[in-house]
Amino acid sequence: MGYDRNSLPAPSPRLRLLPWETDTGKPCFLSTNGKPGALARIADRIEADQLRDGAVVLKGAQAVLDDCKAGQYAVRLALRAVTQSLGDVLRIADSRGARLSRPGDADDCEGDEQDDDHGPYATRGRGHRSQAGPN
């Protein structure tokens, strides 16, 4: 089953989206209270592996695209690997993005403007845009 970021509840900085799902395809979350433990370290290692795998898949897909003789099966296989890797990378980005500090958090500077118009994956702050793209 692939990663569907639109089916998740809004990310919370208090909960970490883990890089795996339940056996029924539901997302897994971890509450660390800001203190990384053994499970968080395992998730970190899996995310690092997924990012490395994504780089390998990208190179392989590029090689297939550059090969004029690559057949339909090779292209479909490469596309399947790319979509899996892209799903992994999006899950990692959503997980990490949700754990970034937000305007209004205790450790933010006073006087920062807060954006009230944000979607479930919007990052608020200077230079960032929501999932929907430019305004």
N, C-alpha and C. Protein backbone atom coordinates (compact mmCIF):
# COMPACT_ATOMS: atom_id res chain seq x y z
N MET A 1 0.85 -1.18 0.00
CA MET A 1 0.00 0.00 0.00
C MET A 1 0.89 1.24 0.00
N GLY A 2 0.54 2.24 -0.78
CA GLY A 2 1.34 3.45 -0.88
C GLY A 2 0.93 4.49 0.15
N TYR A 3 1.76 5.47 0.29
CA TYR A 3 1.53 6.56 1.23
C TYR A 3 0.56 7.56 0.65
N ASP A 4 -0.52 7.86 1.39
CA ASP A 4 -1.51 8.84 0.97
C ASP A 4 -1.57 9.93 2.02
N ARG A 5 -0.85 11.03 1.77
CA ARG A 5 -0.75 12.10 2.77
C ARG A 5 -2.08 12.77 3.02
N ASN A 6 -3.03 12.69 2.10
CA ASN A 6 -4.32 13.33 2.29
C ASN A 6 -5.25 12.54 3.21
N SER A 7 -4.91 11.29 3.49
CA SER A 7 -5.76 10.48 4.37
C SER A 7 -5.33 10.57 5.83
N LEU A 8 -4.25 11.30 6.11
CA LEU A 8 -3.75 11.40 7.48
C LEU A 8 -4.40 12.56 8.22
N PRO A 9 -4.50 12.44 9.53
CA PRO A 9 -4.90 13.61 10.31
C PRO A 9 -3.81 14.67 10.23
N ALA A 10 -4.17 15.90 10.55
CA ALA A 10 -3.19 16.99 10.53
C ALA A 10 -2.01 16.62 11.41
N PRO A 11 -0.77 16.81 10.91
CA PRO A 11 0.41 16.47 11.70
C PRO A 11 0.48 17.28 12.99
N SER A 12 1.05 16.68 13.99
CA SER A 12 1.20 17.33 15.29
C SER A 12 2.67 17.31 15.68
N PRO A 13 3.19 18.42 16.21
CA PRO A 13 4.58 18.40 16.64
C PRO A 13 4.80 17.46 17.83
N ARG A 14 3.74 17.07 18.49
CA ARG A 14 3.86 16.16 19.64
C ARG A 14 3.89 14.69 19.24
N LEU A 15 3.46 14.40 18.01
CA LEU A 15 3.45 13.03 17.52
C LEU A 15 4.33 12.91 16.29
N ARG A 16 5.12 11.89 16.25
CA ARG A 16 5.98 11.64 15.10
C ARG A 16 5.33 10.59 14.21
N LEU A 17 5.18 10.93 12.94
CA LEU A 17 4.71 9.95 11.96
C LEU A 17 5.87 9.00 11.69
N LEU A 18 5.65 7.72 11.92
CA LEU A 18 6.72 6.74 11.75
C LEU A 18 6.78 6.26 10.31
N PRO A 19 7.94 5.74 9.89
CA PRO A 19 8.11 5.34 8.49
C PRO A 19 7.55 3.95 8.18
N TRP A 20 6.54 3.53 8.88
CA TRP A 20 5.87 2.27 8.60
C TRP A 20 4.40 2.39 8.95
N GLU A 21 3.63 1.39 8.52
CA GLU A 21 2.19 1.35 8.75
C GLU A 21 1.84 0.11 9.54
N THR A 22 0.60 0.08 10.03
CA THR A 22 0.10 -1.13 10.66
C THR A 22 -0.14 -2.17 9.58
N ASP A 23 -0.46 -3.39 9.98
CA ASP A 23 -0.72 -4.45 8.99
C ASP A 23 -2.00 -4.18 8.20
N THR A 24 -2.82 -3.24 8.66
CA THR A 24 -4.03 -2.88 7.93
C THR A 24 -3.85 -1.59 7.12
N GLY A 25 -2.62 -1.05 7.07
CA GLY A 25 -2.33 0.13 6.26
C GLY A 25 -2.55 1.46 6.96
N LYS A 26 -2.77 1.45 8.26
CA LYS A 26 -2.99 2.69 8.99
C LYS A 26 -1.63 3.27 9.42
N PRO A 27 -1.52 4.61 9.48
CA PRO A 27 -0.24 5.21 9.89
C PRO A 27 0.06 4.93 11.36
N CYS A 28 1.33 4.91 11.67
CA CYS A 28 1.80 4.73 13.05
C CYS A 28 2.42 6.03 13.54
N PHE A 29 2.14 6.37 14.77
CA PHE A 29 2.67 7.59 15.37
C PHE A 29 3.39 7.24 16.67
N LEU A 30 4.34 8.08 17.04
CA LEU A 30 5.11 7.90 18.27
C LEU A 30 5.11 9.20 19.04
N SER A 31 4.79 9.12 20.32
CA SER A 31 4.86 10.27 21.20
C SER A 31 6.15 10.15 22.01
N THR A 32 7.07 11.10 21.79
CA THR A 32 8.37 11.03 22.46
C THR A 32 8.53 12.05 23.57
N ASN A 33 7.61 13.00 23.65
CA ASN A 33 7.73 14.10 24.62
C ASN A 33 9.08 14.79 24.52
N GLY A 34 9.61 14.86 23.29
CA GLY A 34 10.87 15.56 23.05
C GLY A 34 12.11 14.78 23.43
N LYS A 35 11.95 13.56 23.90
CA LYS A 35 13.10 12.75 24.30
C LYS A 35 13.17 11.53 23.39
N PRO A 36 14.14 11.50 22.47
CA PRO A 36 14.23 10.35 21.57
C PRO A 36 14.63 9.09 22.33
N GLY A 37 13.97 8.01 22.00
CA GLY A 37 14.27 6.72 22.62
C GLY A 37 14.65 5.70 21.57
N ALA A 38 14.60 4.44 21.95
CA ALA A 38 15.03 3.36 21.06
C ALA A 38 14.17 3.30 19.80
N LEU A 39 12.85 3.45 19.94
CA LEU A 39 11.97 3.38 18.78
C LEU A 39 12.22 4.54 17.82
N ALA A 40 12.49 5.72 18.36
CA ALA A 40 12.80 6.89 17.52
C ALA A 40 14.10 6.66 16.77
N ARG A 41 15.09 6.04 17.41
CA ARG A 41 16.36 5.76 16.73
C ARG A 41 16.18 4.73 15.61
N ILE A 42 15.31 3.74 15.83
CA ILE A 42 15.01 2.77 14.78
C ILE A 42 14.34 3.47 13.60
N ALA A 43 13.39 4.36 13.90
CA ALA A 43 12.70 5.12 12.85
C ALA A 43 13.70 5.98 12.08
N ASP A 44 14.65 6.61 12.79
CA ASP A 44 15.68 7.42 12.14
C ASP A 44 16.50 6.58 11.16
N ARG A 45 16.88 5.36 11.58
CA ARG A 45 17.68 4.48 10.72
C ARG A 45 16.87 4.04 9.49
N ILE A 46 15.60 3.74 9.70
CA ILE A 46 14.77 3.32 8.57
C ILE A 46 14.60 4.47 7.59
N GLU A 47 14.37 5.69 8.10
CA GLU A 47 14.26 6.86 7.22
C GLU A 47 15.54 7.09 6.43
N ALA A 48 16.69 6.95 7.09
CA ALA A 48 17.97 7.11 6.40
C ALA A 48 18.12 6.06 5.29
N ASP A 49 17.72 4.83 5.59
CA ASP A 49 17.77 3.76 4.57
C ASP A 49 16.83 4.09 3.41
N GLN A 50 15.63 4.58 3.72
CA GLN A 50 14.67 4.90 2.67
C GLN A 50 15.19 6.03 1.77
N LEU A 51 15.84 7.01 2.36
CA LEU A 51 16.39 8.11 1.56
C LEU A 51 17.54 7.61 0.68
N ARG A 52 18.39 6.75 1.21
CA ARG A 52 19.48 6.17 0.41
C ARG A 52 18.90 5.32 -0.73
N ASP A 53 17.89 4.51 -0.40
CA ASP A 53 17.24 3.68 -1.43
C ASP A 53 16.62 4.56 -2.51
N GLY A 54 16.03 5.68 -2.12
CA GLY A 54 15.43 6.60 -3.08
C GLY A 54 16.46 7.13 -4.06
N ALA A 55 17.65 7.42 -3.58
CA ALA A 55 18.72 7.91 -4.46
C ALA A 55 19.11 6.83 -5.46
N VAL A 56 19.17 5.59 -5.01
CA VAL A 56 19.51 4.48 -5.90
C VAL A 56 18.41 4.28 -6.94
N VAL A 57 17.16 4.32 -6.50
CA VAL A 57 16.03 4.15 -7.41
C VAL A 57 16.02 5.26 -8.45
N LEU A 58 16.30 6.48 -8.03
CA LEU A 58 16.34 7.61 -8.96
C LEU A 58 17.38 7.39 -10.05
N LYS A 59 18.56 6.93 -9.67
CA LYS A 59 19.61 6.65 -10.67
C LYS A 59 19.18 5.54 -11.63
N GLY A 60 18.56 4.51 -11.07
CA GLY A 60 18.11 3.40 -11.92
C GLY A 60 17.01 3.83 -12.88
N ALA A 61 16.08 4.63 -12.40
CA ALA A 61 15.00 5.12 -13.25
C ALA A 61 15.55 6.01 -14.36
N GLN A 62 16.52 6.84 -14.02
CA GLN A 62 17.14 7.70 -15.03
C GLN A 62 17.82 6.86 -16.10
N ALA A 63 18.47 5.77 -15.68
CA ALA A 63 19.13 4.89 -16.65
C ALA A 63 18.10 4.24 -17.59
N VAL A 64 16.96 3.85 -17.04
CA VAL A 64 15.91 3.26 -17.88
C VAL A 64 15.39 4.30 -18.87
N LEU A 65 15.16 5.51 -18.39
CA LEU A 65 14.66 6.57 -19.28
C LEU A 65 15.67 6.93 -20.36
N ASP A 66 16.95 6.86 -20.04
CA ASP A 66 17.99 7.19 -21.02
C ASP A 66 18.23 6.07 -22.03
N ASP A 67 17.73 4.87 -21.74
CA ASP A 67 17.92 3.71 -22.62
C ASP A 67 16.80 3.67 -23.66
N CYS A 68 17.14 3.99 -24.90
CA CYS A 68 16.14 4.02 -25.98
C CYS A 68 15.53 2.64 -26.23
N LYS A 69 16.23 1.59 -25.83
CA LYS A 69 15.75 0.24 -26.08
C LYS A 69 14.97 -0.34 -24.90
N ALA A 70 14.82 0.43 -23.84
CA ALA A 70 14.08 -0.06 -22.68
C ALA A 70 12.63 -0.31 -23.08
N GLY A 71 12.14 -1.45 -22.71
CA GLY A 71 10.77 -1.81 -23.07
C GLY A 71 9.75 -1.33 -22.05
N GLN A 72 8.51 -1.60 -22.36
CA GLN A 72 7.40 -1.17 -21.49
C GLN A 72 7.54 -1.78 -20.09
N TYR A 73 7.95 -3.03 -20.01
CA TYR A 73 8.08 -3.68 -18.71
C TYR A 73 9.13 -2.98 -17.85
N ALA A 74 10.28 -2.62 -18.43
CA ALA A 74 11.34 -1.94 -17.69
C ALA A 74 10.87 -0.57 -17.21
N VAL A 75 10.15 0.14 -18.06
CA VAL A 75 9.66 1.47 -17.69
C VAL A 75 8.64 1.35 -16.56
N ARG A 76 7.72 0.39 -16.66
CA ARG A 76 6.71 0.20 -15.61
C ARG A 76 7.36 -0.20 -14.29
N LEU A 77 8.35 -1.07 -14.35
CA LEU A 77 9.06 -1.50 -13.15
C LEU A 77 9.78 -0.32 -12.49
N ALA A 78 10.43 0.51 -13.31
CA ALA A 78 11.12 1.70 -12.79
C ALA A 78 10.12 2.67 -12.18
N LEU A 79 8.99 2.86 -12.86
CA LEU A 79 7.97 3.77 -12.33
C LEU A 79 7.39 3.27 -11.02
N ARG A 80 7.19 1.98 -10.90
CA ARG A 80 6.69 1.41 -9.64
C ARG A 80 7.69 1.67 -8.50
N ALA A 81 8.98 1.47 -8.77
CA ALA A 81 10.00 1.73 -7.75
C ALA A 81 10.06 3.21 -7.38
N VAL A 82 9.94 4.08 -8.38
CA VAL A 82 9.97 5.52 -8.12
C VAL A 82 8.77 5.95 -7.28
N THR A 83 7.58 5.43 -7.59
CA THR A 83 6.41 5.83 -6.81
C THR A 83 6.51 5.36 -5.37
N GLN A 84 7.07 4.17 -5.15
CA GLN A 84 7.26 3.68 -3.78
C GLN A 84 8.25 4.58 -3.04
N SER A 85 9.36 4.90 -3.69
CA SER A 85 10.37 5.76 -3.06
C SER A 85 9.82 7.17 -2.81
N LEU A 86 9.07 7.70 -3.75
CA LEU A 86 8.49 9.02 -3.56
C LEU A 86 7.52 9.02 -2.38
N GLY A 87 6.74 7.97 -2.23
CA GLY A 87 5.85 7.85 -1.07
C GLY A 87 6.64 7.85 0.23
N ASP A 88 7.75 7.12 0.25
CA ASP A 88 8.60 7.09 1.45
C ASP A 88 9.15 8.49 1.76
N VAL A 89 9.63 9.18 0.73
CA VAL A 89 10.22 10.50 0.93
C VAL A 89 9.16 11.50 1.39
N LEU A 90 7.95 11.43 0.83
CA LEU A 90 6.88 12.32 1.28
C LEU A 90 6.51 12.06 2.74
N ARG A 91 6.46 10.79 3.14
CA ARG A 91 6.16 10.46 4.53
C ARG A 91 7.23 11.04 5.45
N ILE A 92 8.50 10.91 5.05
CA ILE A 92 9.59 11.46 5.85
C ILE A 92 9.48 12.98 5.94
N ALA A 93 9.21 13.62 4.81
CA ALA A 93 9.08 15.09 4.80
C ALA A 93 7.92 15.54 5.68
N ASP A 94 6.79 14.85 5.60
CA ASP A 94 5.63 15.21 6.43
C ASP A 94 5.95 14.99 7.91
N SER A 95 6.61 13.90 8.22
CA SER A 95 6.96 13.61 9.60
C SER A 95 7.91 14.66 10.17
N ARG A 96 8.93 14.98 9.40
CA ARG A 96 9.90 15.97 9.88
C ARG A 96 9.33 17.37 9.89
N GLY A 97 8.55 17.70 8.88
CA GLY A 97 7.93 19.02 8.83
C GLY A 97 6.97 19.26 9.98
N ALA A 98 6.25 18.23 10.38
CA ALA A 98 5.31 18.37 11.49
C ALA A 98 6.02 18.61 12.81
N ARG A 99 7.27 18.20 12.90
CA ARG A 99 8.01 18.37 14.16
C ARG A 99 8.80 19.66 14.23
N LEU A 100 8.75 20.48 13.16
CA LEU A 100 9.41 21.78 13.21
C LEU A 100 8.63 22.71 14.11
N SER A 101 9.32 23.66 14.71
CA SER A 101 8.62 24.62 15.55
C SER A 101 7.74 25.50 14.68
N ARG A 102 6.63 25.91 15.24
CA ARG A 102 5.66 26.75 14.54
C ARG A 102 5.61 28.13 15.18
N PRO A 103 5.22 29.13 14.41
CA PRO A 103 5.02 30.45 15.02
C PRO A 103 4.04 30.33 16.18
N GLY A 104 4.39 30.98 17.26
CA GLY A 104 3.54 30.91 18.44
C GLY A 104 4.02 29.88 19.45
N ASP A 105 4.98 29.01 19.03
CA ASP A 105 5.55 28.07 19.99
C ASP A 105 6.36 28.84 21.02
N ALA A 106 6.58 28.26 22.15
CA ALA A 106 7.27 28.93 23.25
C ALA A 106 8.68 29.38 22.88
N ASP A 107 9.36 28.64 22.00
CA ASP A 107 10.74 29.00 21.68
C ASP A 107 10.87 29.96 20.51
N ASP A 108 9.75 30.43 19.95
CA ASP A 108 9.80 31.40 18.86
C ASP A 108 9.99 32.80 19.40
N CYS A 109 10.50 33.67 18.55
CA CYS A 109 10.67 35.07 18.91
C CYS A 109 9.31 35.76 18.96
N GLU A 110 9.19 36.72 19.84
CA GLU A 110 7.96 37.48 19.91
C GLU A 110 7.85 38.38 18.70
N GLY A 111 6.62 38.67 18.29
CA GLY A 111 6.38 39.60 17.21
C GLY A 111 6.31 38.95 15.85
N ASP A 112 6.58 37.65 15.73
CA ASP A 112 6.43 36.98 14.44
C ASP A 112 4.96 36.93 14.07
N GLU A 113 4.68 37.16 12.78
CA GLU A 113 3.31 37.07 12.33
C GLU A 113 2.92 35.61 12.21
N GLN A 114 1.64 35.33 12.50
CA GLN A 114 1.15 33.98 12.40
C GLN A 114 0.17 33.88 11.25
N ASP A 115 0.33 32.89 10.39
CA ASP A 115 -0.54 32.68 9.24
C ASP A 115 -1.72 31.83 9.66
N ASP A 116 -2.92 32.39 9.59
CA ASP A 116 -4.11 31.66 9.99
C ASP A 116 -4.68 30.80 8.87
N ASP A 117 -4.22 30.96 7.64
CA ASP A 117 -4.73 30.23 6.51
C ASP A 117 -3.74 29.14 6.13
N HIS A 118 -3.93 27.96 6.70
CA HIS A 118 -2.99 26.88 6.41
C HIS A 118 -3.75 25.57 6.29
N GLY A 119 -3.25 24.72 5.39
CA GLY A 119 -3.83 23.40 5.20
C GLY A 119 -3.16 22.40 6.11
N PRO A 120 -3.50 21.12 5.97
CA PRO A 120 -2.96 20.11 6.87
C PRO A 120 -1.46 19.91 6.76
N TYR A 121 -0.84 20.31 5.65
CA TYR A 121 0.59 20.11 5.49
C TYR A 121 1.31 21.42 5.26
N ALA A 122 0.66 22.53 5.57
CA ALA A 122 1.29 23.83 5.36
C ALA A 122 2.40 24.02 6.36
N THR A 123 3.46 24.66 5.91
CA THR A 123 4.50 25.09 6.83
C THR A 123 4.40 26.59 6.90
N ARG A 124 4.30 27.08 8.08
CA ARG A 124 4.14 28.52 8.23
C ARG A 124 5.48 29.15 8.51
N GLY A 125 5.66 30.32 8.01
CA GLY A 125 6.90 31.04 8.24
C GLY A 125 7.40 31.66 6.95
N ARG A 126 8.50 32.32 7.04
CA ARG A 126 9.05 33.01 5.89
C ARG A 126 9.56 32.02 4.86
N GLY A 127 9.19 32.25 3.60
CA GLY A 127 9.73 31.46 2.50
C GLY A 127 9.12 30.10 2.31
N HIS A 128 8.10 29.74 3.08
CA HIS A 128 7.49 28.42 2.94
C HIS A 128 6.08 28.57 2.39
N ARG A 129 5.65 27.57 1.63
CA ARG A 129 4.32 27.59 1.06
C ARG A 129 3.58 26.33 1.46
N SER A 130 2.28 26.39 1.40
CA SER A 130 1.47 25.25 1.78
C SER A 130 1.48 24.21 0.67
N GLN A 131 0.89 23.06 0.95
CA GLN A 131 0.81 21.96 0.00
C GLN A 131 0.12 22.40 -1.27
N ALA A 132 -0.84 23.31 -1.18
CA ALA A 132 -1.60 23.73 -2.34
C ALA A 132 -0.76 24.54 -3.33
N GLY A 133 0.37 25.02 -2.93
CA GLY A 133 1.25 25.74 -3.84
C GLY A 133 1.13 27.25 -3.65
N PRO A 134 1.59 28.01 -4.63
CA PRO A 134 1.62 29.46 -4.49
C PRO A 134 0.20 30.04 -4.39
N ASN A 135 0.13 31.16 -3.67
CA ASN A 135 -1.17 31.82 -3.51
C ASN A 135 -1.54 32.62 -4.74
